[in-house]
C-alpha atoms as a PDB file:
ATOM      1  CA  MET A   1       0.000   0.000   0.000  1.00  0.00           C
ATOM      2  CA  PHE A   2       2.840   2.369   0.911  1.00  0.00           C
ATOM      3  CA  ASN A   3       4.776   1.589  -2.278  1.00  0.00           C
ATOM      4  CA  ARG A   4       1.623   2.090  -4.300  1.00  0.00           C
ATOM      5  CA  SER A   5       1.126   5.519  -2.720  1.00  0.00           C
ATOM      6  CA  ILE A   6       4.698   6.539  -3.591  1.00  0.00           C
ATOM      7  CA  LYS A   7       4.233   5.294  -7.146  1.00  0.00           C
ATOM      8  CA  ASN A   8       1.012   7.301  -7.538  1.00  0.00           C
ATOM      9  CA  THR A   9       2.719  10.425  -6.144  1.00  0.00           C
ATOM     10  CA  ILE A  10       5.609  10.075  -8.599  1.00  0.00           C
ATOM     11  CA  LEU A  11       3.287   9.535 -11.560  1.00  0.00           C
ATOM     12  CA  ILE A  12       1.129  12.520 -10.596  1.00  0.00           C
ATOM     13  CA  ASN A  13       4.159  14.796 -10.293  1.00  0.00           C
ATOM     14  CA  ILE A  14       5.585  13.613 -13.613  1.00  0.00           C
ATOM     15  CA  GLY A  15       2.211  14.318 -15.178  1.00  0.00           C
ATOM     16  CA  ALA A  16       2.096  17.774 -13.553  1.00  0.00           C
ATOM     17  CA  PHE A  17       5.645  18.520 -14.783  1.00  0.00           C
ATOM     18  CA  LEU A  18       4.742  17.574 -18.363  1.00  0.00           C
ATOM     19  CA  LEU A  19       1.516  19.611 -18.175  1.00  0.00           C
ATOM     20  CA  VAL A  20       3.351  22.735 -16.951  1.00  0.00           C
ATOM     21  CA  PHE A  21       6.013  22.292 -19.638  1.00  0.00           C
ATOM     22  CA  MET A  22       3.343  21.963 -22.319  1.00  0.00           C
ATOM     23  CA  LEU A  23       1.463  25.057 -21.091  1.00  0.00           C
ATOM     24  CA  GLU A  24       4.693  27.058 -20.827  1.00  0.00           C
ATOM     25  CA  THR A  25       5.671  26.030 -24.361  1.00  0.00           C
ATOM     26  CA  LEU A  26       2.251  26.890 -25.809  1.00  0.00           C
ATOM     27  CA  SER A  27       2.178  30.266 -24.041  1.00  0.00           C
ATOM     28  CA  ASN A  28       5.492  31.247 -25.696  1.00  0.00           C
ATOM     29  CA  LEU A  29       4.675  29.767 -29.085  1.00  0.00           C
ATOM     30  CA  PHE A  30       3.902  33.177 -30.605  1.00  0.00           C
ATOM     31  CA  PHE A  31       7.350  34.397 -29.474  1.00  0.00           C
ATOM     32  CA  LYS A  32       9.251  31.449 -30.919  1.00  0.00           C
ATOM     33  CA  ASP A  33      10.854  33.675 -33.554  1.00  0.00           C
ATOM     34  CA  ASN A  34      12.634  35.615 -30.790  1.00  0.00           C
ATOM     35  CA  PHE A  35      14.783  32.541 -30.113  1.00  0.00           C
ATOM     36  CA  GLU A  36      17.722  31.742 -32.349  1.00  0.00           C
ATOM     37  CA  THR A  37      17.056  27.996 -32.394  1.00  0.00           C
ATOM     38  CA  SER A  38      14.298  25.580 -31.459  1.00  0.00           C
ATOM     39  CA  TYR A  39      16.616  24.140 -28.844  1.00  0.00           C
ATOM     40  CA  LEU A  40      16.805  27.512 -27.051  1.00  0.00           C
ATOM     41  CA  PHE A  41      13.019  27.858 -27.291  1.00  0.00           C
ATOM     42  CA  TYR A  42      12.356  24.510 -25.625  1.00  0.00           C
ATOM     43  CA  ALA A  43      15.225  25.011 -23.179  1.00  0.00           C
ATOM     44  CA  HIS A  44      13.595  28.266 -22.073  1.00  0.00           C
ATOM     45  CA  GLY A  45      10.279  26.471 -21.460  1.00  0.00           C
ATOM     46  CA  LEU A  46      12.062  23.653 -19.631  1.00  0.00           C
ATOM     47  CA  ASN A  47      13.908  26.151 -17.472  1.00  0.00           C
ATOM     48  CA  TYR A  48      10.716  27.874 -16.418  1.00  0.00           C
ATOM     49  CA  THR A  49       9.034  24.495 -15.818  1.00  0.00           C
ATOM     50  CA  PHE A  50      11.849  23.423 -13.465  1.00  0.00           C
ATOM     51  CA  MET A  51      11.589  26.739 -11.655  1.00  0.00           C
ATOM     52  CA  ILE A  52       7.787  26.483 -11.195  1.00  0.00           C
ATOM     53  CA  MET A  53       7.721  22.793 -10.285  1.00  0.00           C
ATOM     54  CA  GLY A  54      10.822  23.130  -8.119  1.00  0.00           C
ATOM     55  CA  PHE A  55       9.150  25.646  -5.868  1.00  0.00           C
ATOM     56  CA  ILE A  56       5.879  23.683  -5.876  1.00  0.00           C
ATOM     57  CA  TRP A  57       7.823  20.585  -4.747  1.00  0.00           C
ATOM     58  CA  VAL A  58       9.601  22.530  -2.016  1.00  0.00           C
ATOM     59  CA  ASN A  59       6.222  23.853  -0.838  1.00  0.00           C
ATOM     60  CA  HIS A  60       4.391  20.532  -1.014  1.00  0.00           C
ATOM     61  CA  PHE A  61       7.032  18.203   0.398  1.00  0.00           C
ATOM     62  CA  ILE A  62       8.850  20.470   2.886  1.00  0.00           C
ATOM     63  CA  LEU A  63       6.957  23.620   3.865  1.00  0.00           C
ATOM     64  CA  ILE A  64       3.434  22.191   4.065  1.00  0.00           C
ATOM     65  CA  PRO A  65       4.227  18.918   5.947  1.00  0.00           C
ATOM     66  CA  PHE A  66       6.722  20.408   8.404  1.00  0.00           C
ATOM     67  CA  PHE A  67       5.108  23.785   9.065  1.00  0.00           C
ATOM     68  CA  LEU A  68       1.569  24.298   7.706  1.00  0.00           C
ATOM     69  CA  ASP A  69       0.249  20.858   8.759  1.00  0.00           C
ATOM     70  CA  LYS A  70       1.776  21.375  12.207  1.00  0.00           C
ATOM     71  CA  LYS A  71      -0.104  24.691  12.520  1.00  0.00           C
ATOM     72  CA  ARG A  72       3.035  26.798  12.465  1.00  0.00           C
ATOM     73  CA  TYR A  73       1.263  29.298  10.252  1.00  0.00           C
ATOM     74  CA  PHE A  74       3.454  32.330  10.921  1.00  0.00           C
ATOM     75  CA  ILE A  75       6.698  30.450  10.257  1.00  0.00           C
ATOM     76  CA  TYR A  76       5.134  28.884   7.160  1.00  0.00           C
ATOM     77  CA  GLY A  77       4.128  32.308   5.795  1.00  0.00           C
ATOM     78  CA  ILE A  78       7.614  33.745   6.413  1.00  0.00           C
ATOM     79  CA  LEU A  79       9.335  30.777   4.764  1.00  0.00           C
ATOM     80  CA  LEU A  80       6.923  30.786   1.821  1.00  0.00           C
ATOM     81  CA  ILE A  81       7.418  34.498   1.054  1.00  0.00           C
ATOM     82  CA  GLY A  82      11.167  34.215   1.693  1.00  0.00           C
ATOM     83  CA  SER A  83      11.478  31.223  -0.619  1.00  0.00           C
ATOM     84  CA  LEU A  84       9.499  33.002  -3.330  1.00  0.00           C
ATOM     85  CA  LEU A  85      11.831  35.989  -3.131  1.00  0.00           C
ATOM     86  CA  ILE A  86      14.937  33.785  -3.257  1.00  0.00           C
ATOM     87  CA  PHE A  87      13.645  31.809  -6.231  1.00  0.00           C
ATOM     88  CA  SER A  88      12.676  35.039  -8.008  1.00  0.00           C
ATOM     89  CA  TYR A  89      16.072  36.644  -7.386  1.00  0.00           C
ATOM     90  CA  LEU A  90      17.969  33.532  -8.534  1.00  0.00           C
ATOM     91  CA  ARG A  91      15.946  33.620 -11.707  1.00  0.00           C
ATOM     92  CA  THR A  92      16.639  37.297 -12.553  1.00  0.00           C
ATOM     93  CA  ASN A  93      19.933  37.888 -10.661  1.00  0.00           C
ATOM     94  CA  ASN A  94      18.744  41.416  -9.885  1.00  0.00           C
ATOM     95  CA  TRP A  95      16.108  42.907  -7.609  1.00  0.00           C
ATOM     96  CA  SER A  96      14.531  45.085 -10.302  1.00  0.00           C
ATOM     97  CA  GLY A  97      12.991  42.149 -12.180  1.00  0.00           C
ATOM     98  CA  THR A  98      12.267  40.131  -9.074  1.00  0.00           C
ATOM     99  CA  SER A  99       8.745  41.463  -8.481  1.00  0.00           C
ATOM    100  CA  LYS A 100       7.425  40.146 -11.814  1.00  0.00           C
ATOM    101  CA  ILE A 101       8.781  36.655 -11.217  1.00  0.00           C
ATOM    102  CA  PHE A 102       7.665  36.833  -7.578  1.00  0.00           C
ATOM    103  CA  PHE A 103       3.994  37.396  -8.440  1.00  0.00           C
ATOM    104  CA  PHE A 104       4.212  34.838 -11.247  1.00  0.00           C
ATOM    105  CA  LEU A 105       5.493  32.227  -8.799  1.00  0.00           C
ATOM    106  CA  LEU A 106       2.923  33.306  -6.196  1.00  0.00           C
ATOM    107  CA  TYR A 107       0.135  32.700  -8.718  1.00  0.00           C
ATOM    108  CA  THR A 108       1.438  29.302  -9.826  1.00  0.00           C
ATOM    109  CA  THR A 109       2.068  28.284  -6.212  1.00  0.00           C
ATOM    110  CA  GLY A 110      -1.503  29.222  -5.264  1.00  0.00           C
ATOM    111  CA  ALA A 111      -2.862  27.168  -8.150  1.00  0.00           C
ATOM    112  CA  GLY A 112      -0.625  24.257  -7.180  1.00  0.00           C
ATOM    113  CA  MET A 113      -1.752  24.442  -3.544  1.00  0.00           C
ATOM    114  CA  ALA A 114      -5.404  24.464  -4.611  1.00  0.00           C
ATOM    115  CA  VAL A 115      -4.884  21.267  -6.611  1.00  0.00           C
ATOM    116  CA  PHE A 116      -2.825  19.761  -3.753  1.00  0.00           C
ATOM    117  CA  PHE A 117      -5.481  20.349  -1.094  1.00  0.00           C
ATOM    118  CA  LEU A 118      -8.278  19.279  -3.435  1.00  0.00           C
ATOM    119  CA  ARG A 119      -6.527  15.960  -4.058  1.00  0.00           C
ATOM    120  CA  ARG A 120      -5.736  15.554  -0.355  1.00  0.00           C
ATOM    121  CA  ASN A 121      -9.378  16.151   0.591  1.00  0.00           C
ATOM    122  CA  MET A 122     -10.497  13.587  -2.010  1.00  0.00           C
ATOM    123  CA  ILE A 123      -8.073  11.014  -0.582  1.00  0.00           C
ATOM    124  CA  ILE A 124      -9.186  11.732   2.996  1.00  0.00           C
ATOM    125  CA  GLN A 125     -12.853  11.519   1.984  1.00  0.00           C
ATOM    126  CA  LYS A 126     -12.235   8.197   0.226  1.00  0.00           C
ATOM    127  CA  GLU A 127     -10.391   6.821   3.257  1.00  0.00           C
ATOM    128  CA  ASN A 128     -13.193   7.953   5.571  1.00  0.00           C
ATOM    129  CA  GLU A 129     -15.796   6.305   3.335  1.00  0.00           C
ATOM    130  CA  GLU A 130     -13.799   3.062   3.332  1.00  0.00           C
ATOM    131  CA  LYS A 131     -13.439   3.203   7.125  1.00  0.00           C
ATOM    132  CA  GLU A 132     -17.160   3.909   7.513  1.00  0.00           C
ATOM    133  CA  LYS A 133     -18.014   1.017   5.190  1.00  0.00           C
ATOM    134  CA  LEU A 134     -15.700  -1.325   7.098  1.00  0.00           C
ATOM    135  CA  GLN A 135     -17.138  -0.178  10.435  1.00  0.00           C
ATOM    136  CA  LYS A 136     -20.652  -0.705   9.143  1.00  0.00           C
ATOM    137  CA  GLU A 137     -19.828  -4.229   7.939  1.00  0.00           C
ATOM    138  CA  MET A 138     -18.166  -5.065  11.265  1.00  0.00           C
ATOM    139  CA  GLU A 139     -21.119  -3.754  13.258  1.00  0.00           C
ATOM    140  CA  LEU A 140     -23.656  -5.629  11.131  1.00  0.00           C
ATOM    141  CA  THR A 141     -21.650  -8.844  11.535  1.00  0.00           C
ATOM    142  CA  TYR A 142     -21.576  -8.304  15.275  1.00  0.00           C
ATOM    143  CA  LEU A 143     -25.334  -7.692  15.421  1.00  0.00           C
ATOM    144  CA  LYS A 144     -26.130 -10.745  13.276  1.00  0.00           C
ATOM    145  CA  GLU A 145     -23.964 -12.916  15.499  1.00  0.00           C
ATOM    146  CA  GLN A 146     -25.888 -11.672  18.531  1.00  0.00           C
ATOM    147  CA  VAL A 147     -29.263 -12.575  16.995  1.00  0.00           C
ATOM    148  CA  ASN A 148     -28.493 -16.318  16.789  1.00  0.00           C
ATOM    149  CA  PRO A 149     -27.896 -17.031  20.511  1.00  0.00           C
ATOM    150  CA  HIS A 150     -30.723 -14.671  21.486  1.00  0.00           C
ATOM    151  CA  PHE A 151     -33.249 -16.545  19.343  1.00  0.00           C
ATOM    152  CA  LEU A 152     -31.887 -19.950  20.394  1.00  0.00           C
ATOM    153  CA  PHE A 153     -32.121 -19.010  24.078  1.00  0.00           C
ATOM    154  CA  ASN A 154     -35.804 -18.062  23.740  1.00  0.00           C
ATOM    155  CA  SER A 155     -36.605 -21.213  21.748  1.00  0.00           C
ATOM    156  CA  LEU A 156     -34.858 -23.502  24.237  1.00  0.00           C
ATOM    157  CA  ASN A 157     -36.930 -21.931  26.995  1.00  0.00           C
ATOM    158  CA  SER A 158     -40.021 -22.972  25.062  1.00  0.00           C
ATOM    159  CA  ILE A 159     -38.823 -26.566  24.723  1.00  0.00           C
ATOM    160  CA  TYR A 160     -37.806 -26.677  28.377  1.00  0.00           C
ATOM    161  CA  SER A 161     -41.324 -25.624  29.351  1.00  0.00           C
ATOM    162  CA  LEU A 162     -42.868 -28.426  27.258  1.00  0.00           C
ATOM    163  CA  ALA A 163     -40.411 -30.988  28.626  1.00  0.00           C
ATOM    164  CA  ARG A 164     -41.335 -30.072  32.197  1.00  0.00           C
ATOM    165  CA  GLN A 165     -44.990 -30.593  31.309  1.00  0.00           C
ATOM    166  CA  GLN A 166     -43.996 -33.978  29.807  1.00  0.00           C
ATOM    167  CA  SER A 167     -45.846 -32.931  26.680  1.00  0.00           C
ATOM    168  CA  PRO A 168     -45.997 -35.614  23.937  1.00  0.00           C
ATOM    169  CA  GLU A 169     -45.373 -32.823  21.411  1.00  0.00           C
ATOM    170  CA  THR A 170     -41.866 -32.181  22.730  1.00  0.00           C
ATOM    171  CA  PRO A 171     -40.077 -34.341  20.068  1.00  0.00           C
ATOM    172  CA  ASP A 172     -42.005 -32.593  17.275  1.00  0.00           C
ATOM    173  CA  VAL A 173     -41.167 -29.208  18.727  1.00  0.00           C
ATOM    174  CA  VAL A 174     -37.467 -30.158  18.850  1.00  0.00           C
ATOM    175  CA  MET A 175     -37.631 -31.032  15.149  1.00  0.00           C
ATOM    176  CA  GLN A 176     -39.366 -27.746  14.422  1.00  0.00           C
ATOM    177  CA  LEU A 177     -36.664 -25.907  16.283  1.00  0.00           C
ATOM    178  CA  SER A 178     -33.963 -27.696  14.305  1.00  0.00           C
ATOM    179  CA  GLU A 179     -35.626 -26.527  11.063  1.00  0.00           C
ATOM    180  CA  LEU A 180     -35.823 -22.983  12.371  1.00  0.00           C
ATOM    181  CA  MET A 181     -32.163 -23.058  13.384  1.00  0.00           C
ATOM    182  CA  ARG A 182     -31.159 -24.459   9.991  1.00  0.00           C
ATOM    183  CA  TYR A 183     -32.879 -21.545   8.252  1.00  0.00           C
ATOM    184  CA  GLN A 184     -31.297 -19.101  10.658  1.00  0.00           C
ATOM    185  CA  LEU A 185     -27.786 -20.440  10.102  1.00  0.00           C
ATOM    186  CA  GLU A 186     -28.204 -20.408   6.315  1.00  0.00           C
ATOM    187  CA  SER A 187     -29.772 -16.942   6.189  1.00  0.00           C
ATOM    188  CA  SER A 188     -27.109 -15.424   8.454  1.00  0.00           C
ATOM    189  CA  LYS A 189     -24.579 -15.960   5.659  1.00  0.00           C
ATOM    190  CA  LYS A 190     -26.606 -13.765   3.298  1.00  0.00           C
ATOM    191  CA  ASN A 191     -27.154 -10.029   3.095  1.00  0.00           C
ATOM    192  CA  THR A 192     -30.778 -10.473   2.071  1.00  0.00           C
ATOM    193  CA  VAL A 193     -33.330 -13.281   1.816  1.00  0.00           C
ATOM    194  CA  LEU A 194     -36.669 -13.563   0.093  1.00  0.00           C
ATOM    195  CA  LEU A 195     -39.387 -11.873   2.128  1.00  0.00           C
ATOM    196  CA  LYS A 196     -41.556 -14.929   1.543  1.00  0.00           C
ATOM    197  CA  GLU A 197     -38.975 -17.169   3.264  1.00  0.00           C
ATOM    198  CA  GLU A 198     -38.595 -14.780   6.187  1.00  0.00           C
ATOM    199  CA  LEU A 199     -42.350 -14.692   6.754  1.00  0.00           C
ATOM    200  CA  GLU A 200     -42.527 -18.493   6.575  1.00  0.00           C
ATOM    201  CA  PHE A 201     -39.861 -18.587   9.272  1.00  0.00           C
ATOM    202  CA  ILE A 202     -41.940 -16.269  11.491  1.00  0.00           C
ATOM    203  CA  GLU A 203     -45.056 -18.383  10.886  1.00  0.00           C
ATOM    204  CA  ASN A 204     -43.227 -21.570  11.904  1.00  0.00           C
ATOM    205  CA  TYR A 205     -41.909 -19.862  15.010  1.00  0.00           C
ATOM    206  CA  LEU A 206     -45.445 -18.811  15.978  1.00  0.00           C
ATOM    207  CA  LEU A 207     -46.678 -22.379  15.443  1.00  0.00           C
ATOM    208  CA  LEU A 208     -43.961 -23.592  17.797  1.00  0.00           C
ATOM    209  CA  GLU A 209     -44.959 -21.047  20.439  1.00  0.00           C
ATOM    210  CA  GLU A 210     -48.643 -21.848  19.968  1.00  0.00           C
ATOM    211  CA  LYS A 211     -47.964 -25.468  20.908  1.00  0.00           C
ATOM    212  CA  ARG A 212     -46.040 -24.450  24.003  1.00  0.00           C
ATOM    213  CA  LEU A 213     -48.600 -21.909  25.176  1.00  0.00           C
ATOM    214  CA  SER A 214     -51.436 -24.326  24.525  1.00  0.00           C
ATOM    215  CA  LYS A 215     -54.799 -22.624  25.069  1.00  0.00           C
ATOM    216  CA  ARG A 216     -53.420 -19.677  27.037  1.00  0.00           C
ATOM    217  CA  CYS A 217     -52.754 -17.593  23.933  1.00  0.00           C
ATOM    218  CA  THR A 218     -54.595 -16.890  20.696  1.00  0.00           C
ATOM    219  CA  ILE A 219     -52.214 -16.201  17.829  1.00  0.00           C
ATOM    220  CA  GLU A 220     -53.198 -14.676  14.477  1.00  0.00           C
ATOM    221  CA  PHE A 221     -50.862 -14.294  11.511  1.00  0.00           C
ATOM    222  CA  LEU A 222     -52.161 -12.580   8.363  1.00  0.00           C
ATOM    223  CA  ILE A 223     -50.436 -11.621   5.097  1.00  0.00           C
ATOM    224  CA  SER A 224     -51.935  -9.412   2.397  1.00  0.00           C
ATOM    225  CA  GLY A 225     -50.482  -8.110  -0.829  1.00  0.00           C
ATOM    226  CA  ASN A 226     -48.166  -9.548  -3.456  1.00  0.00           C
ATOM    227  CA  LEU A 227     -44.755 -10.537  -2.087  1.00  0.00           C
ATOM    228  CA  LEU A 228     -43.298 -10.650  -5.618  1.00  0.00           C
ATOM    229  CA  GLU A 229     -39.555 -11.175  -5.383  1.00  0.00           C
ATOM    230  CA  LEU A 230     -39.054  -8.715  -2.561  1.00  0.00           C
ATOM    231  CA  ARG A 231     -36.043  -9.273  -0.323  1.00  0.00           C
ATOM    232  CA  ILE A 232     -35.237  -8.252   3.227  1.00  0.00           C
ATOM    233  CA  ALA A 233     -32.348  -8.457   5.671  1.00  0.00           C
ATOM    234  CA  PRO A 234     -32.536 -11.832   7.461  1.00  0.00           C
ATOM    235  CA  MET A 235     -33.821 -12.124  11.042  1.00  0.00           C
ATOM    236  CA  LEU A 236     -34.892  -8.495  11.053  1.00  0.00           C
ATOM    237  CA  LEU A 237     -38.553  -8.971  12.014  1.00  0.00           C
ATOM    238  CA  ILE A 238     -38.413 -11.904  14.418  1.00  0.00           C
ATOM    239  CA  PRO A 239     -37.273  -9.845  17.487  1.00  0.00           C
ATOM    240  CA  PHE A 240     -40.618  -8.007  17.458  1.00  0.00           C
ATOM    241  CA  VAL A 241     -42.475 -11.319  17.500  1.00  0.00           C
ATOM    242  CA  GLU A 242     -40.216 -12.747  20.203  1.00  0.00           C
ATOM    243  CA  ASN A 243     -40.813  -9.629  22.262  1.00  0.00           C
ATOM    244  CA  ALA A 244     -44.587 -10.075  21.964  1.00  0.00           C
ATOM    245  CA  VAL A 245     -44.336 -13.670  23.202  1.00  0.00           C
ATOM    246  CA  LYS A 246     -41.860 -12.999  25.991  1.00  0.00           C
ATOM    247  CA  HIS A 247     -43.507  -9.901  27.478  1.00  0.00           C
ATOM    248  CA  GLY A 248     -47.070 -10.862  26.628  1.00  0.00           C
ATOM    249  CA  ALA A 249     -48.227 -14.468  26.735  1.00  0.00           C
ATOM    250  CA  GLN A 250     -45.132 -15.872  28.434  1.00  0.00           C
ATOM    251  CA  SER A 251     -45.265 -13.449  31.355  1.00  0.00           C
ATOM    252  CA  THR A 252     -48.801 -14.254  32.508  1.00  0.00           C
ATOM    253  CA  ASN A 253     -51.115 -17.181  33.177  1.00  0.00           C
ATOM    254  CA  GLU A 254     -54.067 -15.173  31.918  1.00  0.00           C
ATOM    255  CA  HIS A 255     -55.417 -15.611  28.427  1.00  0.00           C
ATOM    256  CA  SER A 256     -53.501 -13.421  25.981  1.00  0.00           C
ATOM    257  CA  THR A 257     -53.465 -12.560  22.296  1.00  0.00           C
ATOM    258  CA  ILE A 258     -50.783 -11.976  19.659  1.00  0.00           C
ATOM    259  CA  ASP A 259     -51.759 -10.534  16.276  1.00  0.00           C
ATOM    260  CA  VAL A 260     -49.140 -10.312  13.538  1.00  0.00           C
ATOM    261  CA  SER A 261     -50.137  -8.704  10.244  1.00  0.00           C
ATOM    262  CA  VAL A 262     -48.089  -8.136   7.119  1.00  0.00           C
ATOM    263  CA  SER A 263     -49.131  -5.926   4.248  1.00  0.00           C
ATOM    264  CA  ILE A 264     -47.255  -5.275   0.988  1.00  0.00           C
ATOM    265  CA  LYS A 265     -47.894  -2.162  -1.084  1.00  0.00           C
ATOM    266  CA  ASN A 266     -45.599  -1.814  -4.089  1.00  0.00           C
ATOM    267  CA  THR A 267     -42.121  -2.212  -2.544  1.00  0.00           C
ATOM    268  CA  THR A 268     -43.083  -1.122   0.968  1.00  0.00           C
ATOM    269  CA  LEU A 269     -43.538  -3.618   3.790  1.00  0.00           C
ATOM    270  CA  TYR A 270     -45.991  -2.790   6.581  1.00  0.00           C
ATOM    271  CA  PHE A 271     -45.395  -5.017   9.585  1.00  0.00           C
ATOM    272  CA  CYS A 272     -47.557  -4.844  12.688  1.00  0.00           C
ATOM    273  CA  VAL A 273     -47.351  -6.841  15.917  1.00  0.00           C
ATOM    274  CA  VAL A 274     -49.948  -6.358  18.651  1.00  0.00           C
ATOM    275  CA  ASN A 275     -49.973  -8.292  21.879  1.00  0.00           C
ATOM    276  CA  SER A 276     -52.042  -8.046  25.036  1.00  0.00           C
ATOM    277  CA  LYS A 277     -50.271  -7.007  28.203  1.00  0.00           C
ATOM    278  CA  PRO A 278     -50.414  -8.460  31.676  1.00  0.00           C
ATOM    279  CA  ARG A 279     -51.789  -6.091  34.285  1.00  0.00           C
ATOM    280  CA  MET A 280     -48.428  -5.230  35.850  1.00  0.00           C
ATOM    281  CA  VAL A 281     -45.384  -5.089  33.578  1.00  0.00           C
ATOM    282  CA  PRO A 282     -42.761  -2.343  34.174  1.00  0.00           C
ATOM    283  CA  ALA A 283     -42.257  -0.316  30.999  1.00  0.00           C
ATOM    284  CA  SER A 284     -38.477  -0.373  31.477  1.00  0.00           C
ATOM    285  CA  LYS A 285     -38.460  -4.156  31.011  1.00  0.00           C
ATOM    286  CA  ARG A 286     -40.426  -4.169  27.802  1.00  0.00           C
ATOM    287  CA  GLU A 287     -37.467  -3.874  25.496  1.00  0.00           C
ATOM    288  CA  GLY A 288     -34.465  -6.189  25.632  1.00  0.00           C
ATOM    289  CA  LEU A 289     -31.392  -6.913  23.560  1.00  0.00           C
ATOM    290  CA  GLY A 290     -33.432  -8.010  20.520  1.00  0.00           C
ATOM    291  CA  LEU A 291     -35.209  -4.693  19.974  1.00  0.00           C
ATOM    292  CA  GLU A 292     -32.064  -2.695  20.629  1.00  0.00           C
ATOM    293  CA  ASN A 293     -30.239  -4.709  17.966  1.00  0.00           C
ATOM    294  CA  VAL A 294     -33.026  -4.465  15.431  1.00  0.00           C
ATOM    295  CA  ARG A 295     -33.111  -0.675  15.783  1.00  0.00           C
ATOM    296  CA  ARG A 296     -29.384  -0.476  15.095  1.00  0.00           C
ATOM    297  CA  ARG A 297     -29.702  -2.831  12.125  1.00  0.00           C
ATOM    298  CA  LEU A 298     -32.540  -0.743  10.691  1.00  0.00           C
ATOM    299  CA  ASN A 299     -30.423   2.416  10.994  1.00  0.00           C
ATOM    300  CA  LEU A 300     -27.526   0.725   9.225  1.00  0.00           C
ATOM    301  CA  LEU A 301     -29.400  -1.192   6.536  1.00  0.00           C
ATOM    302  CA  TYR A 302     -32.362   1.082   5.788  1.00  0.00           C
ATOM    303  CA  PRO A 303     -31.339   4.648   6.699  1.00  0.00           C
ATOM    304  CA  ASN A 304     -34.146   7.105   5.913  1.00  0.00           C
ATOM    305  CA  SER A 305     -36.157   4.192   4.450  1.00  0.00           C
ATOM    306  CA  TYR A 306     -38.100   2.973   7.450  1.00  0.00           C
ATOM    307  CA  VAL A 307     -40.540   4.190  10.100  1.00  0.00           C
ATOM    308  CA  LEU A 308     -40.758   2.413  13.455  1.00  0.00           C
ATOM    309  CA  LYS A 309     -43.492   3.336  15.907  1.00  0.00           C
ATOM    310  CA  ILE A 310     -44.059   1.580  19.237  1.00  0.00           C
ATOM    311  CA  ASP A 311     -47.190   2.207  21.337  1.00  0.00           C
ATOM    312  CA  ASP A 312     -47.117   0.949  24.897  1.00  0.00           C
ATOM    313  CA  VAL A 313     -50.590   1.526  26.297  1.00  0.00           C
ATOM    314  CA  GLU A 314     -52.429   0.113  29.287  1.00  0.00           C
ATOM    315  CA  LYS A 315     -53.602  -3.203  27.851  1.00  0.00           C
ATOM    316  CA  LEU A 316     -51.773  -3.458  24.520  1.00  0.00           C
ATOM    317  CA  TYR A 317     -48.282  -3.252  23.121  1.00  0.00           C
ATOM    318  CA  ARG A 318     -48.204  -2.369  19.438  1.00  0.00           C
ATOM    319  CA  VAL A 319     -45.292  -2.250  16.978  1.00  0.00           C
ATOM    320  CA  ASN A 320     -45.778  -0.662  13.563  1.00  0.00           C
ATOM    321  CA  LEU A 321     -42.880  -0.900  11.148  1.00  0.00           C
ATOM    322  CA  SER A 322     -42.803   0.174   7.523  1.00  0.00           C
ATOM    323  CA  ILE A 323     -39.759  -0.401   5.318  1.00  0.00           C
ATOM    324  CA  ASP A 324     -39.108   0.567   1.748  1.00  0.00           C
ATOM    325  CA  LEU A 325     -37.485  -2.635   0.507  1.00  0.00           C
ATOM    326  CA  THR A 326     -36.071  -1.046  -2.640  1.00  0.00           C
ATOM    327  CA  ALA A 327     -32.598  -1.131  -1.086  1.00  0.00           C
ATOM    328  CA  SER A 328     -32.921  -4.882  -0.615  1.00  0.00           C
ATOM    329  CA  ILE A 329     -33.885  -5.330  -4.286  1.00  0.00           C
ATOM    330  CA  VAL A 330     -30.676  -3.529  -5.277  1.00  0.00           C
ATOM    331  CA  LYS A 331     -28.631  -5.824  -3.000  1.00  0.00           C
ATOM    332  CA  LYS A 332     -30.142  -8.967  -4.493  1.00  0.00           C
END
């Protein structure tokens, strides 16, 4: 990487040298007859090019790094003006013609500095974008890795409850869980999955919970609209459903309800989860690791493309989420 940077710097400066030489030659083309030979004409242009680029190199590789970048502005200004005067005097060998060369060099130096800082800002911006992209990928990987154990922990609790009841459905539930875990492991390797598959996963999870909760909970799951080939980030919706089970039906012996509805309009997903609440549930305990993670994933994956609204009222807890899945179609 370092060698590549040096190579790019050398190539850019060679290109700049050739460009200045070409411009200097073209600017004096009308005065070519004033030179005795073509050699003297091109030697004059080459001489001026070395003078211009020489000072630009001194400024870029010595004055700027050692003084301007270190915020020694006064010293930098003194050295810059002093160097311009010295270069101008060496060019004319007398002070009377120095002012013309001085302002000429000042102009070319200003233009060179503008290009220098423009290129530097572009490099810094590119590096920042790469760092931000890397950070985003690392954070998403971290969040996806957290989802797996969180979901498994909740599901094992369900199986444990059935086993304690010595339910004959326990073996079937274990098989269901293995299918759910297989989907989860496969989907975690992907950036997006078909929305249809993700909703099937949620439906199977609700069937598993319905068996565990027996007659204590009424669960409804409705889908309307054409799913088409829409795609979504995997395991993005399940935390809302888990939350409804954990803080609704699972936290009370009273009869409870969970209603999950999905509606598709064009490329927008409308996802709603409503669950009944026990009489006494502290609001601070309503949201756990799952909802915190899903919020962060939404911010990273669908910035400015989703609306999440949570209503925590006396008897109901409602989650309304809408996502424009266009971004997922692009990532397909």
